[in-house]
Amino acid sequence: MTDGIFAGLRVIDCASWIAGPAAATILSDFGAEVIKIEPPGAGDPWRASPPVPGKTVDYWWQLTARNKRSLAIDLKHPEGLAVLHRLLGTTDVFITNFPLPVRARLKIAAADLLAINPRLVYGSMTAYGETGEEADRTGFDATAYWARSGLMDMVTATAETEPARSMPGMGDHPTGTALYAAIVTALYRREKTGLGGVAQTSLLQNGLWANGCFVQTRLFGEHVVHRPPRTEAPSALANHYRCRDGRWFLMALHNEARQLASFLKAIEAEHLAQDPRFATAPERRANARALTAILDDIFARRDLAEWRPILEKAGVTFGAVFSVNEAADDRQAREIGALVPFADGAGLTVSSPFDLDGATKVAARRAPAVGQHSETVLRDAGYATDEIARLKALGVLQS
C-alpha cells in the first residue's frame, strides 16, 4: 500500500484530456490509488497529442497520468460496465469529465453510480456546468475557460490586437485543482454524514473566478474598458520594461511612499522626484505615459543581468519574463518541490501546486501504457484467471 495522507483511498479516473485527470493526479500525489480507465486500443485521446512536431513522445501524458494504473476496458459493452460496477463497491472517488449525454449513454451518470455505492464521491467536471441550456455543450479550456470568461480579450495588448491564444492546460490545470478541492470537501462531508454525492466544477466557473476582478467590477454595474497598451498604463511603476539585451521584466512597485526614493536612487534618476510631473502619486498617474517613456530609456541602457541585483538591492518587487525553457530549468522551482524527479525513470515532472507540513508526497511514477495494469486491477478485485481471459477474448479488456 502506498504511504501518504490518502493511503487506502481508491479513485477511478474515468476522464479524458486534462482537467478531470489532473484532479486524480493530485490525489495520487498524496497517496491515493488511482485506476485510470481508458478505452481499448489507443486509450485516452490525450495520449495522441504530441507537443513537439515530428515526435511521438507523450510528454504531456506523463504529467497528468503519472502514478496511475491503466485499466483498458470497453464501457460500451455490458461486460465492461459490469467490471466498473464491481470495482465501485470498493471505490471512494469516481472522476469524469465526459459530456453529460455521453455519461447517460454509458450509464455512468451520478445517479447510476451513487445507486450502487452511496458513499461514492462523484467528481464531475463539465465545460459549462450541469444546468441550463448549455449544460450538454462540449468545450475545452481554450473555449470555455479562456475565451468565454473574458480572459482572452483582456490580456491582448490593445483593443485592436487579435485575441491571444491560450497554452495547453492553462485553464485545465487550475480547474483540475478546483475539482480536487470539491472532492476533498465532499470527502470531509462524508466523514460527518457517511454519504458521498456529487462534487462538481466547470471550466466556465473557473474562468470567471480567474477573471474575477474585472467580472466583479462589471457585476456592480461598471463598464469594463479594455486594458490600455503598456505605454498608456495607469502606473509606470507597475509596468513591464525591456532591457538592452531584449529581455523583459515586470515591475510592481505599489508601495510608492516607502519604495520610490530608493528605486530612483538605484536607477540613478533621483532628479525625477523633483520633477513636478512626478512629485506626488496623483501626478505620477496623470503623467504615467511620460514616466514610462523615461523609464523605457533608462532600462534600455543595461542588460537584465545587470538590472537584477540593482533592483533587488533597492527592494523593488519585479520578475523577469521567462521563456518556458527557462521556467523548466528554474532552480527555485526545484528547491520548493515544484519540479520533482520521476522515481522510475529519467527526467522531472511538475508537482501539484501545494504541500502540507509533515506530509511527503509519493515519489512520482511514470504514466502507464494503455491497459498496462488491466489484469492486476481485476485480480485485485477478485477476478479469476479464466474470467479475465474471457473478457479479453470478448474484446472488452486490453492488457
Protein backbone atom coordinates (compact mmCIF):
# COMPACT_ATOMS: atom_id res chain seq x y z
CA MET A 1 0.00 0.00 0.00
CA THR A 2 1.29 3.45 -0.88
CA ASP A 3 2.08 5.77 2.02
CA GLY A 4 0.55 9.24 2.13
CA ILE A 5 -2.41 11.18 3.51
CA PHE A 6 -4.78 9.41 1.11
CA ALA A 7 -3.30 5.95 1.53
CA GLY A 8 -6.16 3.47 1.23
CA LEU A 9 -8.31 5.86 -0.80
CA ARG A 10 -9.32 4.31 -4.12
CA VAL A 11 -10.01 6.60 -7.06
CA ILE A 12 -11.32 5.74 -10.52
CA ASP A 13 -10.23 8.23 -13.14
CA CYS A 14 -12.79 7.78 -15.92
CA ALA A 15 -11.97 11.09 -17.56
CA SER A 16 -10.02 12.24 -20.59
CA TRP A 17 -7.73 15.02 -21.72
CA ILE A 18 -6.53 17.19 -18.79
CA ALA A 19 -8.86 18.80 -16.26
CA GLY A 20 -10.57 15.71 -14.85
CA PRO A 21 -7.44 13.54 -14.81
CA ALA A 22 -5.47 16.39 -13.17
CA ALA A 23 -7.69 16.17 -10.08
CA ALA A 24 -6.92 12.46 -9.82
CA THR A 25 -3.21 13.19 -10.25
CA ILE A 26 -3.25 15.49 -7.22
CA LEU A 27 -4.96 12.79 -5.16
CA SER A 28 -2.29 10.33 -6.31
CA ASP A 29 0.49 12.71 -5.25
CA PHE A 30 -0.76 12.35 -1.70
CA GLY A 31 -1.04 8.57 -1.77
CA ALA A 32 -4.40 7.68 -3.29
CA GLU A 33 -4.59 4.60 -5.51
CA VAL A 34 -5.79 5.78 -8.90
CA ILE A 35 -7.14 3.44 -11.56
CA LYS A 36 -7.20 5.09 -14.96
CA ILE A 37 -9.99 3.70 -17.13
CA GLU A 38 -9.30 4.00 -20.86
CA PRO A 39 -10.95 2.56 -23.96
CA PRO A 40 -9.08 -0.36 -25.52
CA GLY A 41 -6.91 0.50 -28.50
CA ALA A 42 -5.43 3.98 -28.49
CA GLY A 43 -6.60 4.75 -24.97
CA ASP A 44 -7.21 8.28 -23.73
CA PRO A 45 -7.15 10.67 -26.73
CA TRP A 46 -4.76 12.92 -24.78
CA ARG A 47 -2.06 10.32 -25.47
CA ALA A 48 -2.16 11.26 -29.15
CA SER A 49 -1.30 14.91 -28.61
CA PRO A 50 2.50 15.12 -29.02
CA PRO A 51 3.74 18.59 -28.09
CA VAL A 52 6.74 18.56 -30.44
CA PRO A 53 6.12 18.31 -34.21
CA GLY A 54 7.59 15.14 -35.64
CA LYS A 55 7.91 13.44 -32.24
CA THR A 56 5.56 10.91 -30.71
CA VAL A 57 6.90 11.09 -27.15
CA ASP A 58 3.96 11.55 -24.79
CA TYR A 59 5.45 14.31 -22.64
CA TRP A 60 2.07 15.81 -21.80
CA TRP A 61 0.63 12.42 -20.92
CA GLN A 62 3.37 11.92 -18.33
CA LEU A 63 2.19 14.97 -16.43
CA THR A 64 -1.45 14.11 -15.72
CA ALA A 65 -1.24 10.31 -15.88
CA ARG A 66 1.68 9.78 -13.51
CA ASN A 67 1.23 7.46 -10.54
CA LYS A 68 -1.83 5.78 -12.10
CA ARG A 69 -2.66 2.22 -13.10
CA SER A 70 -4.26 1.81 -16.52
CA LEU A 71 -7.32 -0.40 -16.93
CA ALA A 72 -8.31 -0.60 -20.61
CA ILE A 73 -11.92 -1.68 -20.74
CA ASP A 74 -14.85 -1.08 -23.09
CA LEU A 75 -17.62 0.57 -21.08
CA LYS A 76 -19.95 0.41 -24.09
CA HIS A 77 -20.07 -3.36 -23.66
CA PRO A 78 -22.33 -4.72 -20.87
CA GLU A 79 -19.46 -6.87 -19.60
CA GLY A 80 -17.21 -3.83 -19.39
CA LEU A 81 -19.82 -1.85 -17.48
CA ALA A 82 -20.21 -4.82 -15.15
CA VAL A 83 -16.49 -4.64 -14.37
CA LEU A 84 -16.85 -0.98 -13.44
CA HIS A 85 -19.83 -1.74 -11.23
CA ARG A 86 -17.84 -4.41 -9.43
CA LEU A 87 -14.94 -2.03 -8.83
CA LEU A 88 -17.28 0.65 -7.49
CA GLY A 89 -18.00 -1.44 -4.42
CA THR A 90 -14.56 -0.59 -3.05
CA THR A 91 -14.11 2.81 -4.69
CA ASP A 92 -14.18 6.11 -2.80
CA VAL A 93 -13.97 8.62 -5.65
CA PHE A 94 -15.10 8.43 -9.28
CA ILE A 95 -13.95 11.23 -11.60
CA THR A 96 -15.26 12.00 -15.06
CA ASN A 97 -15.38 14.92 -17.44
CA PHE A 98 -17.32 13.16 -20.19
CA PRO A 99 -20.17 15.28 -21.61
CA LEU A 100 -23.45 14.69 -19.79
CA PRO A 101 -25.13 12.94 -22.76
CA VAL A 102 -22.18 10.54 -23.03
CA ARG A 103 -22.47 9.67 -19.35
CA ALA A 104 -26.14 8.93 -19.82
CA ARG A 105 -25.46 6.64 -22.80
CA LEU A 106 -22.69 4.79 -20.94
CA LYS A 107 -24.83 4.58 -17.78
CA ILE A 108 -22.13 6.25 -15.68
CA ALA A 109 -24.13 9.34 -14.68
CA ALA A 110 -24.06 10.26 -11.00
CA ALA A 111 -27.47 8.74 -10.30
CA ASP A 112 -26.38 5.44 -11.86
CA LEU A 113 -23.23 5.08 -9.80
CA LEU A 114 -24.45 6.51 -6.49
CA ALA A 115 -27.23 3.92 -6.55
CA ILE A 116 -24.51 1.26 -6.48
CA ASN A 117 -22.35 2.93 -3.82
CA PRO A 118 -24.00 5.73 -1.80
CA ARG A 119 -20.65 6.54 -0.15
CA LEU A 120 -19.08 7.31 -3.50
CA VAL A 121 -17.86 10.84 -4.16
CA TYR A 122 -18.69 11.55 -7.80
CA GLY A 123 -16.22 14.13 -9.10
CA SER A 124 -17.82 15.82 -12.08
CA MET A 125 -16.16 18.30 -14.44
CA THR A 126 -18.03 19.92 -17.31
CA ALA A 127 -17.42 22.77 -19.73
CA TYR A 128 -20.45 24.94 -18.93
CA GLY A 129 -21.98 23.43 -15.79
CA GLU A 130 -24.72 20.86 -15.25
CA THR A 131 -27.85 23.00 -15.51
CA GLY A 132 -29.12 25.48 -18.08
CA GLU A 133 -29.48 25.28 -21.83
CA GLU A 134 -25.74 24.83 -22.43
CA ALA A 135 -25.16 22.01 -19.94
CA ASP A 136 -24.73 19.43 -22.71
CA ARG A 137 -22.26 21.50 -24.74
CA THR A 138 -18.74 20.26 -25.19
CA GLY A 139 -15.80 22.54 -24.56
CA PHE A 140 -12.09 22.78 -23.86
CA ASP A 141 -10.28 25.23 -21.63
CA ALA A 142 -9.45 27.37 -24.68
CA THR A 143 -13.15 27.83 -25.43
CA ALA A 144 -14.99 27.62 -22.10
CA TYR A 145 -12.34 28.94 -19.68
CA TRP A 146 -10.16 31.25 -21.74
CA ALA A 147 -12.45 32.71 -24.41
CA ARG A 148 -15.85 32.68 -22.66
CA SER A 149 -14.69 34.28 -19.40
CA GLY A 150 -13.24 37.43 -20.96
CA LEU A 151 -9.64 36.47 -20.15
CA MET A 152 -8.74 36.02 -23.80
CA ASP A 153 -9.90 39.52 -24.60
CA MET A 154 -8.44 41.26 -21.54
CA VAL A 155 -4.84 40.08 -21.98
CA THR A 156 -4.44 41.34 -25.54
CA ALA A 157 -2.03 44.24 -25.97
CA THR A 158 -4.67 46.62 -27.32
CA ALA A 159 -8.35 46.53 -28.16
CA GLU A 160 -7.40 46.16 -31.82
CA THR A 161 -4.94 43.31 -31.29
CA GLU A 162 -6.13 39.88 -32.37
CA PRO A 163 -7.11 37.60 -29.44
CA ALA A 164 -4.27 35.91 -27.61
CA ARG A 165 -4.08 32.12 -27.85
CA SER A 166 -4.01 30.13 -24.64
CA MET A 167 -1.46 27.46 -23.83
CA PRO A 168 -2.45 23.78 -23.41
CA GLY A 169 -3.72 23.17 -19.88
CA MET A 170 -3.77 26.87 -19.00
CA GLY A 171 -7.33 26.60 -17.74
CA ASP A 172 -7.48 22.83 -17.33
CA HIS A 173 -4.92 22.58 -14.55
CA PRO A 174 -6.50 25.29 -12.35
CA THR A 175 -9.90 23.70 -12.99
CA GLY A 176 -8.48 20.30 -12.06
CA THR A 177 -7.26 21.82 -8.81
CA ALA A 178 -10.75 23.18 -8.16
CA LEU A 179 -12.23 19.73 -8.80
CA TYR A 180 -9.72 18.27 -6.35
CA ALA A 181 -10.87 20.84 -3.77
CA ALA A 182 -14.50 19.92 -4.37
CA ILE A 183 -13.73 16.21 -4.00
CA VAL A 184 -11.80 16.67 -0.75
CA THR A 185 -14.63 18.84 0.60
CA ALA A 186 -17.09 16.07 -0.27
CA LEU A 187 -14.86 13.50 1.46
CA TYR A 188 -14.88 15.68 4.57
CA ARG A 189 -18.68 15.80 4.43
CA ARG A 190 -18.73 12.02 4.05
CA GLU A 191 -16.75 11.71 7.26
CA LYS A 192 -19.58 13.55 9.01
CA THR A 193 -22.61 12.05 7.27
CA GLY A 194 -21.45 8.73 5.86
CA LEU A 195 -22.76 9.68 2.43
CA GLY A 196 -20.99 10.61 -0.76
CA GLY A 197 -22.51 12.72 -3.52
CA VAL A 198 -21.61 14.90 -6.45
CA ALA A 199 -18.64 17.25 -6.28
CA GLN A 200 -18.71 19.39 -9.41
CA THR A 201 -16.98 22.26 -11.12
CA SER A 202 -16.77 23.60 -14.67
CA LEU A 203 -14.35 25.35 -16.97
CA LEU A 204 -16.68 28.34 -17.18
CA GLN A 205 -16.89 28.72 -13.40
CA ASN A 206 -13.13 28.64 -13.09
CA GLY A 207 -12.57 31.04 -15.96
CA LEU A 208 -14.88 33.56 -14.31
CA TRP A 209 -13.11 33.02 -10.99
CA ALA A 210 -9.73 33.62 -12.65
CA ASN A 211 -11.08 36.82 -14.22
CA GLY A 212 -12.97 37.66 -11.06
CA CYS A 213 -11.57 41.17 -10.50
CA PHE A 214 -12.92 42.52 -13.78
CA VAL A 215 -16.08 40.39 -13.73
CA GLN A 216 -16.89 41.62 -10.21
CA THR A 217 -16.42 45.19 -11.39
CA ARG A 218 -18.96 44.61 -14.13
CA LEU A 219 -21.36 42.95 -11.68
CA PHE A 220 -21.50 46.24 -9.80
CA GLY A 221 -22.65 47.94 -12.99
CA GLU A 222 -19.40 49.43 -14.21
CA HIS A 223 -18.50 49.28 -17.89
CA VAL A 224 -15.15 47.49 -18.10
CA VAL A 225 -12.96 49.01 -20.77
CA HIS A 226 -10.14 47.15 -22.44
CA ARG A 227 -6.81 47.46 -20.71
CA PRO A 228 -4.66 50.15 -22.32
CA PRO A 229 -1.34 49.30 -24.00
CA ARG A 230 1.73 49.36 -21.78
CA THR A 231 2.74 52.80 -23.00
CA GLU A 232 -0.52 54.13 -21.55
CA ALA A 233 -0.60 52.04 -18.38
CA PRO A 234 -2.17 53.82 -15.39
CA SER A 235 1.05 53.40 -13.40
CA ALA A 236 4.56 53.50 -14.84
CA LEU A 237 5.79 51.85 -11.65
CA ALA A 238 3.67 48.75 -12.24
CA ASN A 239 4.62 48.04 -15.82
CA HIS A 240 6.95 45.88 -17.88
CA TYR A 241 10.18 47.09 -19.41
CA ARG A 242 12.67 45.93 -21.99
CA CYS A 243 16.39 45.83 -21.24
CA ARG A 244 19.33 46.42 -23.56
CA ASP A 245 19.63 42.69 -24.34
CA GLY A 246 15.98 42.45 -25.38
CA ARG A 247 14.89 40.77 -22.15
CA TRP A 248 11.71 41.95 -20.44
CA PHE A 249 10.86 42.21 -16.77
CA LEU A 250 7.70 43.18 -14.91
CA MET A 251 7.98 45.70 -12.10
CA ALA A 252 5.35 46.02 -9.36
CA LEU A 253 6.27 48.99 -7.18
CA HIS A 254 2.97 49.54 -5.40
CA ASN A 255 4.14 51.00 -2.08
CA GLU A 256 5.40 54.23 -3.61
CA ALA A 257 5.63 56.16 -0.35
CA ARG A 258 8.15 53.69 1.02
CA GLN A 259 9.93 52.46 -2.10
CA LEU A 260 10.08 55.33 -4.59
CA ALA A 261 13.13 57.14 -3.18
CA SER A 262 15.31 54.01 -3.04
CA PHE A 263 14.12 52.97 -6.51
CA LEU A 264 15.02 56.30 -8.11
CA LYS A 265 18.38 56.28 -6.38
CA ALA A 266 19.10 52.74 -7.60
CA ILE A 267 18.40 53.62 -11.23
CA GLU A 268 20.33 56.90 -10.89
CA ALA A 269 17.27 59.03 -11.53
CA GLU A 270 16.79 60.84 -8.21
CA HIS A 271 16.10 64.05 -10.08
CA LEU A 272 12.72 62.67 -11.14
CA ALA A 273 11.44 63.16 -7.60
CA GLN A 274 11.83 66.92 -8.11
CA ASP A 275 10.03 66.90 -11.43
CA PRO A 276 6.58 68.43 -10.78
CA ARG A 277 5.04 65.86 -13.12
CA PHE A 278 6.08 63.06 -10.78
CA ALA A 279 6.21 64.72 -7.36
CA THR A 280 3.05 63.09 -5.99
CA ALA A 281 1.22 59.82 -6.63
CA PRO A 282 -1.71 61.55 -8.40
CA GLU A 283 0.73 63.46 -10.61
CA ARG A 284 2.68 60.30 -11.42
CA ARG A 285 -0.54 58.64 -12.55
CA ALA A 286 -1.64 61.64 -14.55
CA ASN A 287 1.73 61.63 -16.28
CA ALA A 288 2.28 57.87 -16.38
CA ARG A 289 2.84 57.89 -20.12
CA ALA A 290 5.73 60.34 -19.83
CA LEU A 291 7.27 58.47 -16.90
CA THR A 292 7.00 55.17 -18.79
CA ALA A 293 8.92 56.69 -21.71
CA ILE A 294 11.64 57.91 -19.37
CA LEU A 295 11.95 54.52 -17.68
CA ASP A 296 11.98 52.83 -21.10
CA ASP A 297 15.07 54.83 -21.94
CA ILE A 298 16.76 54.13 -18.59
CA PHE A 299 16.17 50.36 -18.59
CA ALA A 300 17.33 50.08 -22.21
CA ARG A 301 20.83 51.13 -21.12
CA ARG A 302 21.69 47.86 -19.33
CA ASP A 303 21.13 44.12 -19.71
CA LEU A 304 18.66 42.29 -17.50
CA ALA A 305 21.52 40.55 -15.67
CA GLU A 306 22.82 43.98 -14.64
CA TRP A 307 19.43 45.29 -13.54
CA ARG A 308 18.61 42.26 -11.38
CA PRO A 309 20.98 42.99 -8.46
CA ILE A 310 20.28 46.71 -8.68
CA LEU A 311 16.53 46.28 -8.32
CA GLU A 312 16.87 43.57 -5.69
CA LYS A 313 19.11 45.75 -3.54
CA ALA A 314 16.59 48.58 -3.82
CA GLY A 315 13.83 46.27 -2.59
CA VAL A 316 11.82 46.53 -5.78
CA THR A 317 9.36 43.72 -6.48
CA PHE A 318 9.94 42.54 -10.03
CA GLY A 319 10.03 39.39 -12.11
CA ALA A 320 11.89 38.54 -15.28
CA VAL A 321 9.73 37.33 -18.15
CA PHE A 322 10.93 33.74 -18.53
CA SER A 323 10.72 31.55 -21.57
CA VAL A 324 9.31 28.06 -20.99
CA ASN A 325 12.84 26.71 -21.38
CA GLU A 326 13.99 28.92 -18.52
CA ALA A 327 10.98 28.09 -16.35
CA ALA A 328 11.72 24.38 -16.70
CA ASP A 329 15.29 24.99 -15.52
CA ASP A 330 14.34 27.25 -12.62
CA ARG A 331 16.49 26.39 -9.60
CA GLN A 332 14.00 27.93 -7.19
CA ALA A 333 11.21 25.78 -8.61
CA ARG A 334 13.27 22.68 -7.84
CA GLU A 335 14.14 23.93 -4.36
CA ILE A 336 10.46 24.25 -3.41
CA GLY A 337 9.48 20.91 -4.95
CA ALA A 338 7.51 22.38 -7.84
CA LEU A 339 9.64 20.29 -10.21
CA VAL A 340 10.43 16.78 -8.96
CA PRO A 341 12.20 13.73 -10.43
CA PHE A 342 10.49 10.56 -11.55
CA ALA A 343 11.36 7.69 -9.24
CA ASP A 344 11.29 5.07 -12.01
CA GLY A 345 12.89 6.89 -14.93
CA ALA A 346 14.90 9.86 -16.05
CA GLY A 347 13.54 13.38 -16.08
CA LEU A 348 11.39 15.65 -13.97
CA THR A 349 7.68 16.33 -13.68
CA VAL A 350 5.62 19.28 -12.45
CA SER A 351 4.29 18.52 -8.99
CA SER A 352 0.85 19.53 -7.72
CA PRO A 353 0.85 23.15 -6.54
CA PHE A 354 0.67 22.83 -2.76
CA ASP A 355 2.21 20.97 0.19
CA LEU A 356 1.27 20.15 3.77
CA ASP A 357 3.65 20.28 6.70
CA GLY A 358 4.61 16.83 7.91
CA ALA A 359 3.30 15.18 4.75
CA THR A 360 5.54 13.90 2.00
CA LYS A 361 4.17 13.39 -1.48
CA VAL A 362 4.68 9.98 -3.02
CA ALA A 363 7.58 9.62 -5.41
CA ALA A 364 6.34 10.31 -8.94
CA ARG A 365 5.98 7.24 -11.14
CA ARG A 366 5.86 7.21 -14.94
CA ALA A 367 2.50 7.22 -16.67
CA PRO A 368 1.28 3.76 -17.74
CA ALA A 369 0.87 2.24 -21.17
CA VAL A 370 -2.69 1.52 -22.32
CA GLY A 371 -4.03 -1.39 -20.26
CA GLN A 372 -0.70 -1.94 -18.54
CA HIS A 373 -2.38 -2.88 -15.26
CA SER A 374 -5.67 -4.32 -16.51
CA GLU A 375 -5.07 -7.86 -15.30
CA THR A 376 -3.60 -6.74 -11.97
CA VAL A 377 -6.54 -4.48 -11.23
CA LEU A 378 -9.03 -7.24 -12.00
CA ARG A 379 -7.15 -9.80 -9.96
CA ASP A 380 -7.15 -7.38 -7.03
CA ALA A 381 -10.91 -7.10 -7.49
CA GLY A 382 -11.28 -10.89 -7.19
CA TYR A 383 -11.47 -11.88 -10.85
CA ALA A 384 -10.22 -15.37 -11.63
CA THR A 385 -7.79 -16.08 -14.46
CA ASP A 386 -10.47 -17.66 -16.66
CA GLU A 387 -12.79 -14.66 -16.17
CA ILE A 388 -10.02 -12.31 -17.26
CA ALA A 389 -9.29 -14.48 -20.27
CA ARG A 390 -12.96 -14.44 -21.25
CA LEU A 391 -13.11 -10.64 -21.10
CA LYS A 392 -10.01 -10.42 -23.27
CA ALA A 393 -11.49 -12.86 -25.76
CA LEU A 394 -14.63 -10.74 -25.97
CA GLY A 395 -12.52 -7.70 -26.78
CA VAL A 396 -13.79 -5.99 -23.61
CA LEU A 397 -10.41 -5.96 -21.87
CA GLN A 398 -6.97 -4.99 -23.14
CA SER A 399 -3.79 -5.81 -21.30
